[in-house]
Amino acid sequence: RRAGASGRIVVLVGHSFGANTIVMAARQIGLRIALMACVDPAAQFDLTVPPNVIKALGFRQRIGGIGRGKLGLAGDGRITDIVIDEAHVYMDDDPIIHARIIAAIKAI
């Protein structure tokens, strides 16, 4: 809460259930989130991006049984949905995903 209250930019990044956790955290903290990047969240949980998130990046894979969660929108923010042919367990080390997330952070 101190980061948002001090005017600092808040960015949340997570992979797998960590991606689900940042969606839940964004709902709970209620601060303005400049960017939320979710890398292959678990599909069986609520992935509705809350209205306090300005931009969300959702990376998901289509080739395995784990993850594959697609973000949904509750507010006026913007979601970029990116489907990757990469196994779930390798997505957190993918240099292309890293580069997209870093570029999005730098663009804030």
Protein backbone atom coordinates (compact mmCIF):
# COMPACT_ATOMS: atom_id res chain seq x y z
CA ARG A 1 0.00 0.00 0.00
CA ARG A 2 2.85 2.40 0.72
CA ALA A 3 4.07 2.25 -2.90
CA GLY A 4 0.74 3.34 -4.32
CA ALA A 5 0.12 5.91 -1.60
CA SER A 6 3.51 7.51 -2.26
CA GLY A 7 2.76 7.94 -5.96
CA ARG A 8 5.06 5.14 -7.06
CA ILE A 9 4.10 2.99 -10.03
CA VAL A 10 2.82 -0.46 -9.08
CA VAL A 11 3.56 -3.42 -11.40
CA LEU A 12 2.63 -7.04 -10.63
CA VAL A 13 4.19 -10.04 -12.44
CA GLY A 14 3.51 -13.73 -11.81
CA HIS A 15 3.77 -17.18 -13.39
CA SER A 16 1.40 -20.13 -12.96
CA PHE A 17 -0.43 -19.88 -9.62
CA GLY A 18 1.68 -16.78 -8.97
CA ALA A 19 -0.23 -15.18 -11.86
CA ASN A 20 -3.52 -16.15 -10.23
CA THR A 21 -2.24 -14.70 -6.96
CA ILE A 22 -1.49 -11.29 -8.47
CA VAL A 23 -5.01 -11.12 -9.91
CA MET A 24 -6.37 -11.80 -6.41
CA ALA A 25 -3.90 -9.31 -4.89
CA ALA A 26 -4.92 -6.58 -7.35
CA ARG A 27 -8.53 -7.03 -6.21
CA GLN A 28 -7.60 -6.91 -2.54
CA ILE A 29 -5.21 -3.95 -2.46
CA GLY A 30 -7.46 -1.70 -4.53
CA LEU A 31 -4.58 0.56 -5.61
CA ARG A 32 -4.07 1.70 -9.18
CA ILE A 33 -1.97 -1.01 -10.86
CA ALA A 34 -0.15 0.36 -13.91
CA LEU A 35 0.66 -3.10 -15.30
CA MET A 36 -0.15 -6.68 -14.43
CA ALA A 37 1.67 -9.45 -16.36
CA CYS A 38 0.28 -12.97 -15.94
CA VAL A 39 2.28 -15.83 -17.39
CA ASP A 40 0.10 -18.93 -17.94
CA PRO A 41 -2.25 -18.66 -14.96
CA ALA A 42 -4.34 -21.65 -13.90
CA ALA A 43 -7.59 -21.57 -15.90
CA GLN A 44 -9.81 -22.96 -13.15
CA PHE A 45 -9.67 -19.75 -11.07
CA ASP A 46 -11.36 -16.38 -11.59
CA LEU A 47 -9.12 -14.40 -13.95
CA THR A 48 -11.24 -11.27 -14.13
CA VAL A 49 -8.90 -8.29 -14.13
CA PRO A 50 -10.24 -5.72 -11.66
CA PRO A 51 -10.97 -2.12 -12.70
CA ASN A 52 -7.96 -0.72 -10.81
CA VAL A 53 -5.60 -2.41 -13.33
CA ILE A 54 -4.75 -0.09 -16.22
CA LYS A 55 -3.05 -2.63 -18.48
CA ALA A 56 -2.79 -6.42 -18.28
CA LEU A 57 -0.62 -8.79 -20.29
CA GLY A 58 -1.78 -12.39 -20.38
CA PHE A 59 0.60 -15.02 -21.74
CA ARG A 60 -0.87 -18.50 -22.09
CA GLN A 61 0.06 -21.74 -23.79
CA ARG A 62 -2.19 -23.96 -25.81
CA ILE A 63 -0.22 -27.21 -25.86
CA GLY A 64 -0.43 -28.57 -22.31
CA GLY A 65 -2.90 -29.30 -19.56
CA ILE A 66 -1.50 -26.91 -16.95
CA GLY A 67 -2.21 -23.18 -16.97
CA ARG A 68 -3.99 -22.01 -20.15
CA GLY A 69 -5.90 -19.31 -18.28
CA LYS A 70 -7.25 -16.36 -20.26
CA LEU A 71 -7.69 -13.02 -18.52
CA GLY A 72 -11.11 -11.35 -18.54
CA LEU A 73 -11.85 -7.67 -18.10
CA ALA A 74 -14.03 -6.05 -15.43
CA GLY A 75 -13.13 -2.38 -15.94
CA ASP A 76 -11.98 0.04 -18.60
CA GLY A 77 -8.40 -1.23 -18.65
CA ARG A 78 -6.72 -2.97 -21.54
CA ILE A 79 -5.77 -6.64 -21.88
CA THR A 80 -3.27 -8.02 -24.35
CA ASP A 81 -3.75 -11.78 -24.74
CA ILE A 82 -0.72 -13.61 -26.13
CA VAL A 83 -0.84 -17.30 -26.97
CA ILE A 84 2.54 -19.05 -27.06
CA ASP A 85 3.51 -22.53 -28.24
CA GLU A 86 5.72 -23.13 -25.22
CA ALA A 87 5.32 -25.69 -22.43
CA HIS A 88 4.06 -24.29 -19.12
CA VAL A 89 7.22 -25.22 -17.20
CA TYR A 90 9.45 -23.28 -19.62
CA MET A 91 7.39 -20.11 -19.97
CA ASP A 92 8.95 -18.40 -16.95
CA ASP A 93 12.39 -18.67 -18.62
CA ASP A 94 11.28 -17.67 -22.13
CA PRO A 95 13.38 -14.69 -23.34
CA ILE A 96 10.59 -13.47 -25.62
CA ILE A 97 8.13 -13.31 -22.72
CA HIS A 98 10.76 -11.56 -20.57
CA ALA A 99 11.41 -9.00 -23.32
CA ARG A 100 7.66 -8.28 -23.76
CA ILE A 101 7.19 -7.75 -20.03
CA ILE A 102 10.28 -5.53 -19.69
CA ALA A 103 9.21 -3.47 -22.72
CA ALA A 104 5.73 -3.01 -21.21
CA ILE A 105 7.26 -1.86 -17.91
CA LYS A 106 9.57 0.59 -19.69
CA ALA A 107 6.60 1.98 -21.64
CA ILE A 108 4.82 3.07 -18.45
